[in-house]
Amino acid sequence: MNFRLLSGDVLKLSCSTLVLGVFEGEGIKGIAGKVDEALGGVITRLAQEERFGGELGKSVSVNTLDQIGAQRVLVIGLGKRSKISPDTFRKAGIVVARKTKQSLGNVVVGFETDKQDGYVSAFAEGFILGGYEFDKYKTTNNKRETGVKEVGFLWAGLSDEVFRKEIEFAEIVSEATNFARDLVNEPPAVLTPTKLAEIAKDIARQENLECEIFDKEEIERRGMGGLLAVSRGSEEPPRFIHLIYKPRKKTRKSVAIVGKGITFDSGGLCIKPRESMRTMKMDMSGAACILGVMKAIPRLNPPCVVHGLISATENMPGARAYKPDDIIRTFSGKTIEVVDTDAEGRIVLSDAISYAVKLGVGEIIDVATLTGACIVALGNYTAGIMGNDEKLIQRVIKAAQRAGEKVWQLPMDDELRKEIESDVADVKNVGSRWGGAITAAMFLEKFVENTPWVHLDIAGPAFFDKGSEWNPKGGTGFGVRTLIRYLLER
């Protein structure tokens, strides 16, 4: 995709689609008003007929009949001017990408704003994200042909230097997100733990990262009993993935980002019903997020060392599968009583988190599709955030707000800790059904020791079975944009 900064008369610009933005309740004014006048007021009349008032995400489209340089005008709502933010333009970009998906020419975008504040970057990010489609396994005849190759920006007051920087950032972040989406959408027979590790190696080679991959024998030798136990029911061997990014300037600051990499979750011996199992290729969305981030950050140069850690395995009900009532000794030395084999994610994460602690990192952020309870609490669109350091939690929340990803803090209520107390081990892997997202986080907290730590439960927004207004069907790449922004400001 080519993005260009344009100048000139909006009425004379030749393009297949001219995109204009209007604010809710302000009518067809500014550039849109100028175009409307040249078209004899057809935009105003159509807006009245379709009751379009500039609401965010809404749009009207008219054919110009060659009265101006553009063949078609697409007017999109930006919502209320008082609520304008980068996310306004990110969502506008998604709308434009979807509305122009079948276009065979170029698109020109003409917006008027009082300030910039990353709006161009957000729009370009949204446009790339909005055009995403996973059609790798469709035959050629069934693939959708998309023709938009260039987007021009007619945006007053923007220098070419600022424009280039904003577009570069948007391309890196959105392409990393789409990369994570691709990983989540791959069939589980293709994206095995071994394949995930191979992809990590490829990223390391391409982006000049350090990389260590532990095979089953090395995992066993290092005492990663949690990962080993969960993997026992599968014919696919487990992998532990460790990628390391180092900034150009030496620094003592270091962060570990940890991803749950269950490439398929049947539930193990506590097997899931068919409908619950059907989308469980997405249970490695945390791992996909980590790989997306590690692919992007060498080109953005955040000022801290970043360790990307992934515990990768399937959770299957084979003859040697781990069982309820088993007791597992983890990498940390702590023991886990298994109550439910379908609460495997926290078990494999325990080893990865303990490994991060041993590395001596300054902060740990884990990302996991951990609990259905989090979806019950917050719905499909919002991730739960918890942790042991309020300042770190708030910094991650602010990064998520800038990224346009919804997170909500859940309370780590001490009264719930008794739910995961075990009579026979240091901790049990599930408590009662109440507060399940919180007790899962409390389980992980047992392994972070004194390291500042944040847990992102992305079970809801990681995957959409039917798609949503702003997200595609399938994997969303949730968390990539948040973590990149967090690391850049670290």
Protein backbone atom coordinates (compact mmCIF):
# COMPACT_ATOMS: atom_id res chain seq x y z
CA MET A 1 0.00 0.00 0.00
CA ASN A 2 1.32 3.44 -0.97
CA PHE A 3 0.40 6.52 1.09
CA ARG A 4 1.04 10.03 -0.28
CA LEU A 5 0.59 13.58 0.99
CA LEU A 6 -1.29 15.68 -1.58
CA SER A 7 -2.05 19.34 -2.21
CA GLY A 8 -4.30 21.13 -4.67
CA ASP A 9 -7.97 21.75 -5.39
CA VAL A 10 -10.17 18.99 -4.00
CA LEU A 11 -12.53 19.38 -6.97
CA LYS A 12 -9.77 18.66 -9.49
CA LEU A 13 -8.08 15.68 -7.84
CA SER A 14 -8.49 12.58 -10.00
CA CYS A 15 -9.36 9.46 -7.98
CA SER A 16 -11.81 6.59 -7.85
CA THR A 17 -13.05 7.56 -4.37
CA LEU A 18 -12.83 10.88 -2.54
CA VAL A 19 -13.33 10.43 1.20
CA LEU A 20 -14.57 13.39 3.24
CA GLY A 21 -15.25 13.57 6.97
CA VAL A 22 -18.01 15.45 8.78
CA PHE A 23 -18.71 15.87 12.47
CA GLU A 24 -21.96 14.83 14.09
CA GLY A 25 -24.56 17.56 14.21
CA GLU A 26 -22.53 20.07 12.14
CA GLY A 27 -23.98 19.37 8.70
CA ILE A 28 -22.07 19.16 5.41
CA LYS A 29 -19.45 21.90 5.84
CA GLY A 30 -15.84 22.75 4.99
CA ILE A 31 -14.29 20.63 2.23
CA ALA A 32 -17.39 18.44 2.19
CA GLY A 33 -19.54 21.54 1.75
CA LYS A 34 -17.41 22.73 -1.17
CA VAL A 35 -17.78 19.35 -2.90
CA ASP A 36 -21.50 19.25 -2.11
CA GLU A 37 -21.98 22.65 -3.73
CA ALA A 38 -20.11 21.52 -6.87
CA LEU A 39 -22.42 18.50 -7.05
CA GLY A 40 -25.57 20.60 -6.74
CA GLY A 41 -26.32 19.73 -3.11
CA VAL A 42 -26.72 15.99 -3.75
CA ILE A 43 -24.74 15.04 -0.62
CA THR A 44 -27.00 17.12 1.62
CA ARG A 45 -30.13 15.65 0.04
CA LEU A 46 -28.84 12.08 0.36
CA ALA A 47 -27.81 12.67 3.97
CA GLN A 48 -31.33 13.85 4.77
CA GLU A 49 -32.92 10.88 2.97
CA GLU A 50 -30.71 8.37 4.79
CA ARG A 51 -30.83 10.26 8.11
CA PHE A 52 -27.07 10.60 8.13
CA GLY A 53 -25.91 13.10 10.72
CA GLY A 54 -22.17 12.46 10.96
CA GLU A 55 -22.35 9.68 13.54
CA LEU A 56 -19.08 7.79 13.96
CA GLY A 57 -18.90 4.85 11.57
CA LYS A 58 -21.88 5.91 9.44
CA SER A 59 -21.48 6.99 5.82
CA VAL A 60 -23.18 8.03 2.60
CA SER A 61 -21.84 7.59 -0.94
CA VAL A 62 -22.63 9.37 -4.21
CA ASN A 63 -21.54 8.92 -7.82
CA THR A 64 -20.25 12.26 -9.13
CA LEU A 65 -21.17 11.60 -12.79
CA ASP A 66 -17.82 13.20 -13.72
CA GLN A 67 -18.82 16.63 -12.37
CA ILE A 68 -15.55 16.73 -10.38
CA GLY A 69 -12.24 14.84 -10.60
CA ALA A 70 -13.37 12.04 -8.28
CA GLN A 71 -15.63 9.30 -9.62
CA ARG A 72 -17.29 8.74 -6.25
CA VAL A 73 -17.57 10.68 -2.99
CA LEU A 74 -17.75 8.81 0.31
CA VAL A 75 -18.74 11.00 3.27
CA ILE A 76 -18.07 9.39 6.63
CA GLY A 77 -19.13 10.43 10.10
CA LEU A 78 -16.46 11.33 12.66
CA GLY A 79 -18.79 11.58 15.64
CA LYS A 80 -18.93 14.60 17.93
CA ARG A 81 -16.09 17.10 17.54
CA SER A 82 -15.73 17.29 21.34
CA LYS A 83 -14.85 13.58 21.46
CA ILE A 84 -12.29 13.58 18.66
CA SER A 85 -9.22 11.41 19.29
CA PRO A 86 -6.78 9.26 17.32
CA ASP A 87 -9.23 6.39 17.73
CA THR A 88 -11.82 8.45 15.82
CA PHE A 89 -9.57 8.36 12.77
CA ARG A 90 -8.49 4.76 13.35
CA LYS A 91 -12.15 3.75 13.14
CA ALA A 92 -12.65 6.04 10.15
CA GLY A 93 -9.79 4.25 8.41
CA ILE A 94 -11.43 0.88 9.07
CA VAL A 95 -14.73 2.15 7.59
CA VAL A 96 -13.01 3.52 4.48
CA ALA A 97 -11.04 0.31 3.93
CA ARG A 98 -14.20 -1.76 4.04
CA LYS A 99 -16.20 0.63 1.87
CA THR A 100 -13.48 0.76 -0.80
CA LYS A 101 -12.43 -2.91 -0.69
CA GLN A 102 -13.73 -3.57 -4.20
CA SER A 103 -12.41 -0.29 -5.64
CA LEU A 104 -10.09 -0.57 -8.62
CA GLY A 105 -8.38 2.80 -8.31
CA ASN A 106 -6.88 5.21 -5.82
CA VAL A 107 -8.45 6.80 -2.76
CA VAL A 108 -8.03 10.43 -1.66
CA VAL A 109 -8.83 11.40 1.92
CA GLY A 110 -9.71 15.00 2.76
CA PHE A 111 -10.18 15.81 6.47
CA GLU A 112 -10.14 19.11 8.35
CA THR A 113 -9.04 19.15 11.98
CA ASP A 114 -7.77 21.84 14.33
CA LYS A 115 -4.79 19.72 15.35
CA GLN A 116 -3.02 16.56 14.21
CA ASP A 117 -2.04 14.50 17.32
CA GLY A 118 -1.31 11.31 15.40
CA TYR A 119 -4.54 11.43 13.40
CA VAL A 120 -2.91 10.58 10.07
CA SER A 121 -1.07 7.65 11.63
CA ALA A 122 -4.29 6.42 13.25
CA PHE A 123 -6.21 6.65 9.96
CA ALA A 124 -3.52 4.76 8.04
CA GLU A 125 -3.39 2.14 10.80
CA GLY A 126 -7.15 1.71 10.62
CA PHE A 127 -7.09 1.51 6.82
CA ILE A 128 -4.52 -1.31 6.83
CA LEU A 129 -6.31 -3.14 9.65
CA GLY A 130 -9.70 -2.67 7.99
CA GLY A 131 -8.50 -4.22 4.76
CA TYR A 132 -7.34 -7.41 6.47
CA GLU A 133 -8.66 -10.73 5.24
CA PHE A 134 -7.43 -14.28 5.85
CA ASP A 135 -7.95 -15.98 2.49
CA LYS A 136 -4.79 -18.08 2.31
CA TYR A 137 -6.70 -21.33 1.93
CA LYS A 138 -9.27 -20.14 -0.60
CA THR A 139 -8.80 -21.23 -4.19
CA THR A 140 -7.85 -18.49 -6.65
CA ASN A 141 -11.36 -18.22 -8.12
CA ASN A 142 -12.87 -17.56 -4.71
CA LYS A 143 -10.38 -14.95 -3.53
CA ARG A 144 -11.55 -11.37 -3.40
CA GLU A 145 -9.60 -9.07 -5.66
CA THR A 146 -8.84 -5.71 -4.09
CA GLY A 147 -7.63 -2.85 -6.21
CA VAL A 148 -6.77 0.07 -3.89
CA LYS A 149 -3.02 0.54 -4.25
CA GLU A 150 -2.68 4.16 -3.17
CA VAL A 151 -4.22 6.44 -0.56
CA GLY A 152 -3.60 10.17 -0.90
CA PHE A 153 -4.03 12.55 2.04
CA LEU A 154 -5.31 16.08 1.48
CA TRP A 155 -4.68 17.25 5.02
CA ALA A 156 -3.87 20.90 5.67
CA GLY A 157 -1.02 21.92 7.95
CA LEU A 158 0.91 18.65 7.79
CA SER A 159 4.58 18.65 6.80
CA ASP A 160 6.00 15.92 4.61
CA GLU A 161 8.47 14.89 7.34
CA VAL A 162 5.76 14.44 9.98
CA PHE A 163 3.56 12.65 7.45
CA ARG A 164 6.32 10.15 6.59
CA LYS A 165 7.00 9.38 10.28
CA GLU A 166 3.32 8.87 11.03
CA ILE A 167 2.82 6.59 8.04
CA GLU A 168 5.92 4.53 8.85
CA PHE A 169 4.71 3.96 12.42
CA ALA A 170 1.22 3.04 11.21
CA GLU A 171 2.56 0.53 8.69
CA ILE A 172 4.85 -1.20 11.21
CA VAL A 173 2.20 -1.47 13.93
CA SER A 174 -0.71 -2.50 11.72
CA GLU A 175 1.36 -5.03 9.78
CA ALA A 176 2.53 -6.56 13.08
CA THR A 177 -1.11 -6.79 14.18
CA ASN A 178 -2.11 -8.44 10.91
CA PHE A 179 0.82 -10.84 11.27
CA ALA A 180 -0.53 -11.87 14.69
CA ARG A 181 -4.00 -12.27 13.15
CA ASP A 182 -2.57 -14.60 10.52
CA LEU A 183 -1.00 -16.79 13.20
CA VAL A 184 -4.25 -17.04 15.15
CA ASN A 185 -6.22 -17.89 12.01
CA GLU A 186 -3.93 -20.72 10.91
CA PRO A 187 -5.42 -24.23 11.27
CA PRO A 188 -4.11 -26.09 14.34
CA ALA A 189 -2.79 -28.91 12.14
CA VAL A 190 -0.52 -26.32 10.49
CA LEU A 191 0.43 -24.10 13.42
CA THR A 192 1.84 -26.69 15.82
CA PRO A 193 4.22 -25.79 18.66
CA THR A 194 7.11 -26.81 16.39
CA LYS A 195 5.87 -24.53 13.60
CA LEU A 196 5.41 -21.66 16.05
CA ALA A 197 9.03 -22.07 17.11
CA GLU A 198 10.17 -22.09 13.47
CA ILE A 199 8.30 -18.83 12.90
CA ALA A 200 10.04 -17.34 15.95
CA LYS A 201 13.40 -18.37 14.46
CA ASP A 202 12.47 -16.71 11.17
CA ILE A 203 11.57 -13.48 12.98
CA ALA A 204 14.90 -13.58 14.82
CA ARG A 205 16.82 -13.96 11.54
CA GLN A 206 14.85 -11.25 9.76
CA GLU A 207 14.95 -8.71 12.60
CA ASN A 208 18.39 -9.50 14.07
CA LEU A 209 17.06 -10.75 17.41
CA GLU A 210 18.65 -13.28 19.73
CA CYS A 211 16.70 -16.53 19.87
CA GLU A 212 16.64 -19.67 22.00
CA ILE A 213 14.27 -22.58 21.42
CA PHE A 214 13.97 -25.35 24.01
CA ASP A 215 12.82 -28.72 22.68
CA LYS A 216 11.09 -31.33 24.86
CA GLU A 217 14.36 -32.73 26.21
CA GLU A 218 15.66 -29.27 27.15
CA ILE A 219 12.32 -28.33 28.72
CA GLU A 220 12.56 -31.48 30.83
CA ARG A 221 16.20 -30.88 31.70
CA ARG A 222 15.39 -27.37 32.93
CA GLY A 223 12.54 -28.61 35.10
CA MET A 224 9.66 -26.86 33.34
CA GLY A 225 7.17 -29.31 34.79
CA GLY A 226 4.07 -27.26 34.03
CA LEU A 227 4.71 -27.11 30.29
CA LEU A 228 5.74 -30.77 30.23
CA ALA A 229 2.64 -31.94 32.09
CA VAL A 230 0.19 -30.15 29.80
CA SER A 231 1.99 -31.43 26.69
CA ARG A 232 1.86 -35.11 27.69
CA GLY A 233 -1.49 -35.86 26.07
CA SER A 234 -0.38 -34.65 22.63
CA GLU A 235 1.67 -36.30 19.90
CA GLU A 236 3.04 -32.83 19.10
CA PRO A 237 6.13 -32.03 21.21
CA PRO A 238 6.19 -28.79 23.25
CA ARG A 239 8.48 -25.85 22.62
CA PHE A 240 9.68 -23.01 24.83
CA ILE A 241 10.50 -19.86 22.86
CA HIS A 242 12.79 -17.04 24.01
CA LEU A 243 13.40 -14.01 21.77
CA ILE A 244 15.57 -11.11 22.90
CA TYR A 245 15.59 -7.55 21.55
CA LYS A 246 18.38 -5.20 22.62
CA PRO A 247 18.27 -1.45 21.89
CA ARG A 248 21.09 0.39 20.15
CA LYS A 249 22.06 2.17 23.37
CA LYS A 250 23.02 0.02 26.33
CA THR A 251 20.49 0.05 29.15
CA ARG A 252 19.67 -1.77 32.36
CA LYS A 253 15.94 -1.48 31.77
CA SER A 254 14.35 -4.78 30.78
CA VAL A 255 10.82 -6.09 30.27
CA ALA A 256 9.57 -9.63 29.72
CA ILE A 257 6.44 -10.06 27.62
CA VAL A 258 5.02 -13.54 28.09
CA GLY A 259 2.47 -15.29 25.87
CA LYS A 260 0.28 -18.34 26.33
CA GLY A 261 0.90 -20.62 23.34
CA ILE A 262 -1.71 -23.38 23.45
CA THR A 263 -1.90 -24.10 19.73
CA PHE A 264 -5.02 -26.20 20.22
CA ASP A 265 -7.02 -26.68 23.41
CA SER A 266 -9.32 -29.68 23.57
CA GLY A 267 -9.59 -29.29 27.33
CA GLY A 268 -7.48 -32.39 27.91
CA LEU A 269 -9.15 -35.17 29.90
CA CYS A 270 -11.67 -32.57 31.15
CA ILE A 271 -12.66 -32.36 27.51
CA LYS A 272 -14.63 -29.46 26.09
CA PRO A 273 -17.99 -29.92 24.33
CA ARG A 274 -17.88 -29.64 20.53
CA GLU A 275 -19.07 -26.04 20.28
CA SER A 276 -16.58 -24.85 22.90
CA MET A 277 -13.71 -26.66 21.16
CA ARG A 278 -14.39 -25.39 17.66
CA THR A 279 -12.40 -22.13 17.81
CA MET A 280 -9.67 -23.33 20.16
CA LYS A 281 -6.96 -22.77 17.57
CA MET A 282 -7.12 -19.24 18.99
CA ASP A 283 -5.79 -20.29 22.40
CA MET A 284 -2.34 -19.20 21.26
CA SER A 285 -3.44 -15.59 20.73
CA GLY A 286 -1.14 -14.46 23.54
CA ALA A 287 1.81 -16.08 21.78
CA ALA A 288 0.76 -14.48 18.48
CA CYS A 289 0.70 -11.10 20.22
CA ILE A 290 4.23 -11.60 21.54
CA LEU A 291 5.58 -12.61 18.12
CA GLY A 292 3.85 -9.65 16.47
CA VAL A 293 5.47 -7.28 18.97
CA MET A 294 8.91 -8.86 18.62
CA LYS A 295 8.64 -8.59 14.83
CA ALA A 296 7.86 -4.86 15.04
CA ILE A 297 10.06 -3.42 17.77
CA PRO A 298 13.48 -3.69 16.07
CA ARG A 299 12.21 -1.18 13.50
CA LEU A 300 10.91 1.16 16.22
CA ASN A 301 13.86 0.86 18.65
CA PRO A 302 12.24 1.06 22.11
CA PRO A 303 14.75 2.06 24.82
CA CYS A 304 14.69 -1.17 26.86
CA VAL A 305 15.73 -4.80 26.53
CA VAL A 306 12.68 -6.93 25.69
CA HIS A 307 12.44 -10.67 26.34
CA GLY A 308 9.64 -12.41 24.45
CA LEU A 309 8.76 -15.70 26.17
CA ILE A 310 6.26 -18.31 24.96
CA SER A 311 5.25 -21.69 26.38
CA ALA A 312 3.89 -23.60 23.38
CA THR A 313 2.00 -26.90 23.43
CA GLU A 314 -1.29 -28.55 22.60
CA ASN A 315 -3.68 -29.64 25.37
CA MET A 316 -4.97 -33.05 24.27
CA PRO A 317 -6.58 -36.09 25.98
CA GLY A 318 -4.04 -38.71 24.92
CA ALA A 319 -3.24 -41.89 26.82
CA ARG A 320 -0.44 -40.14 28.75
CA ALA A 321 -2.38 -36.93 29.39
CA TYR A 322 -2.09 -35.26 32.76
CA LYS A 323 -5.04 -35.87 35.05
CA PRO A 324 -7.18 -34.22 37.71
CA ASP A 325 -5.52 -34.81 41.11
CA ASP A 326 -2.03 -34.81 39.61
CA ILE A 327 0.55 -32.69 41.41
CA ILE A 328 3.00 -30.84 39.15
CA ARG A 329 6.40 -29.47 40.17
CA THR A 330 7.08 -26.31 38.16
CA PHE A 331 10.25 -24.49 37.05
CA SER A 332 10.08 -22.34 40.20
CA GLY A 333 9.97 -25.41 42.46
CA LYS A 334 6.40 -24.63 43.53
CA THR A 335 3.81 -27.39 43.21
CA ILE A 336 0.37 -27.26 41.58
CA GLU A 337 -2.62 -29.45 42.36
CA VAL A 338 -4.54 -30.13 39.16
CA VAL A 339 -8.28 -29.72 39.63
CA ASP A 340 -9.23 -29.11 35.99
CA THR A 341 -7.10 -30.05 32.98
CA ASP A 342 -8.95 -27.37 30.98
CA ALA A 343 -7.26 -24.70 33.10
CA GLU A 344 -3.94 -25.47 31.44
CA GLY A 345 -2.95 -21.99 30.29
CA ARG A 346 -2.02 -20.77 33.75
CA ILE A 347 0.05 -23.92 34.29
CA VAL A 348 2.23 -23.38 31.21
CA LEU A 349 2.46 -19.65 31.96
CA SER A 350 3.78 -20.41 35.45
CA ASP A 351 6.99 -21.80 33.97
CA ALA A 352 7.41 -18.89 31.55
CA ILE A 353 6.81 -16.30 34.27
CA SER A 354 9.26 -18.02 36.62
CA TYR A 355 11.81 -18.09 33.81
CA ALA A 356 11.34 -14.33 33.37
CA VAL A 357 11.92 -13.84 37.10
CA LYS A 358 15.14 -15.85 36.87
CA LEU A 359 16.29 -13.59 34.00
CA GLY A 360 16.09 -10.68 36.44
CA VAL A 361 13.82 -8.49 34.32
CA GLY A 362 12.41 -5.27 35.76
CA GLU A 363 8.82 -5.91 34.68
CA ILE A 364 6.67 -8.78 33.43
CA ILE A 365 3.56 -8.44 31.25
CA ASP A 366 1.75 -11.64 30.34
CA VAL A 367 -0.90 -11.91 27.63
CA ALA A 368 -3.28 -14.87 27.54
CA THR A 369 -6.70 -16.08 26.47
CA LEU A 370 -6.98 -17.32 30.02
CA THR A 371 -10.58 -17.48 31.25
CA GLY A 372 -14.15 -17.61 30.00
CA ALA A 373 -14.95 -15.86 33.27
CA CYS A 374 -13.33 -12.69 31.94
CA ILE A 375 -15.70 -12.74 28.95
CA VAL A 376 -18.66 -13.17 31.32
CA ALA A 377 -17.45 -10.19 33.35
CA LEU A 378 -16.41 -7.79 30.57
CA GLY A 379 -17.90 -9.06 27.31
CA ASN A 380 -16.21 -9.81 24.01
CA TYR A 381 -14.63 -6.42 23.36
CA THR A 382 -12.65 -5.73 26.53
CA ALA A 383 -9.60 -7.40 28.08
CA GLY A 384 -9.20 -7.73 31.81
CA ILE A 385 -6.09 -6.24 33.39
CA MET A 386 -4.72 -7.14 36.81
CA GLY A 387 -1.37 -7.10 38.53
CA ASN A 388 0.71 -6.42 41.61
CA ASP A 389 1.91 -2.90 40.77
CA GLU A 390 -0.67 -0.13 40.35
CA LYS A 391 1.70 2.26 38.56
CA LEU A 392 2.57 -0.40 35.99
CA ILE A 393 -1.12 -1.27 35.54
CA GLN A 394 -1.99 2.37 34.87
CA ARG A 395 0.85 2.77 32.36
CA VAL A 396 -0.39 -0.25 30.42
CA ILE A 397 -3.97 1.05 30.56
CA LYS A 398 -2.84 4.39 29.10
CA ALA A 399 -0.94 2.61 26.33
CA ALA A 400 -4.08 0.61 25.53
CA GLN A 401 -6.14 3.80 25.36
CA ARG A 402 -3.68 5.30 22.87
CA ALA A 403 -3.79 2.08 20.87
CA GLY A 404 -7.59 2.00 20.75
CA GLU A 405 -7.71 -1.35 22.58
CA LYS A 406 -10.19 -1.68 25.46
CA VAL A 407 -8.97 -2.91 28.84
CA TRP A 408 -10.60 -2.79 32.27
CA GLN A 409 -9.00 -3.34 35.65
CA LEU A 410 -10.44 -6.11 37.83
CA PRO A 411 -9.90 -6.06 41.62
CA MET A 412 -7.39 -8.44 43.17
CA ASP A 413 -9.55 -8.92 46.27
CA ASP A 414 -7.60 -10.69 49.02
CA GLU A 415 -10.71 -12.57 50.13
CA LEU A 416 -10.62 -14.54 46.89
CA ARG A 417 -7.12 -15.92 47.51
CA LYS A 418 -8.45 -18.76 49.63
CA GLU A 419 -10.19 -20.11 46.50
CA ILE A 420 -6.90 -21.45 45.14
CA GLU A 421 -5.45 -22.75 48.40
CA SER A 422 -4.59 -26.44 48.20
CA ASP A 423 -4.43 -29.07 50.94
CA VAL A 424 -1.82 -31.12 49.08
CA ALA A 425 0.26 -28.63 47.05
CA ASP A 426 1.35 -24.99 47.07
CA VAL A 427 -1.61 -23.92 44.94
CA LYS A 428 -4.45 -25.49 42.96
CA ASN A 429 -5.11 -24.50 39.37
CA VAL A 430 -8.78 -23.47 39.78
CA GLY A 431 -11.08 -22.38 42.57
CA SER A 432 -14.85 -22.05 42.54
CA ARG A 433 -16.71 -20.61 39.55
CA TRP A 434 -16.95 -17.17 41.18
CA GLY A 435 -14.35 -14.54 40.27
CA GLY A 436 -12.59 -16.98 37.96
CA ALA A 437 -10.68 -14.33 35.98
CA ILE A 438 -9.33 -12.86 39.22
CA THR A 439 -8.37 -16.16 40.84
CA ALA A 440 -6.57 -17.15 37.62
CA ALA A 441 -4.51 -13.96 37.91
CA MET A 442 -3.89 -14.71 41.59
CA PHE A 443 -2.59 -18.12 40.55
CA LEU A 444 -0.07 -16.46 38.21
CA GLU A 445 0.89 -13.99 40.93
CA LYS A 446 2.25 -16.92 42.95
CA PHE A 447 5.09 -17.16 40.44
CA VAL A 448 6.10 -13.51 39.92
CA GLU A 449 7.75 -13.14 43.35
CA ASN A 450 8.57 -9.44 43.83
CA THR A 451 8.77 -8.46 40.16
CA PRO A 452 6.30 -5.76 39.02
CA TRP A 453 3.77 -7.65 36.91
CA VAL A 454 0.67 -7.11 34.79
CA HIS A 455 -1.68 -9.77 33.46
CA LEU A 456 -3.85 -9.18 30.38
CA ASP A 457 -6.70 -11.67 29.99
CA ILE A 458 -7.62 -11.29 26.31
CA ALA A 459 -10.08 -14.20 26.13
CA GLY A 460 -12.87 -11.89 24.91
CA PRO A 461 -11.30 -9.60 22.29
CA ALA A 462 -8.71 -12.02 20.86
CA PHE A 463 -11.10 -13.72 18.43
CA PHE A 464 -14.48 -12.90 16.88
CA ASP A 465 -16.49 -15.80 15.50
CA LYS A 466 -18.72 -13.43 13.51
CA GLY A 467 -16.62 -10.28 13.34
CA SER A 468 -17.63 -6.90 14.76
CA GLU A 469 -18.01 -3.29 13.71
CA TRP A 470 -14.29 -2.60 14.10
CA ASN A 471 -12.74 -6.08 14.04
CA PRO A 472 -12.54 -8.83 11.41
CA LYS A 473 -13.94 -12.31 11.76
CA GLY A 474 -11.32 -14.53 13.37
CA GLY A 475 -8.14 -13.41 15.11
CA THR A 476 -7.84 -9.73 16.00
CA GLY A 477 -4.19 -9.41 17.03
CA PHE A 478 -5.34 -7.82 20.28
CA GLY A 479 -2.52 -6.57 22.49
CA VAL A 480 0.09 -5.98 19.80
CA ARG A 481 -0.65 -2.27 19.48
CA THR A 482 -0.87 -1.80 23.25
CA LEU A 483 2.44 -3.49 24.03
CA ILE A 484 4.29 -1.68 21.24
CA ARG A 485 3.13 1.68 22.54
CA TYR A 486 3.96 0.69 26.10
CA LEU A 487 7.49 -0.41 25.22
CA LEU A 488 8.19 2.73 23.17
CA GLU A 489 7.37 4.87 26.20
CA ARG A 490 9.19 2.65 28.66
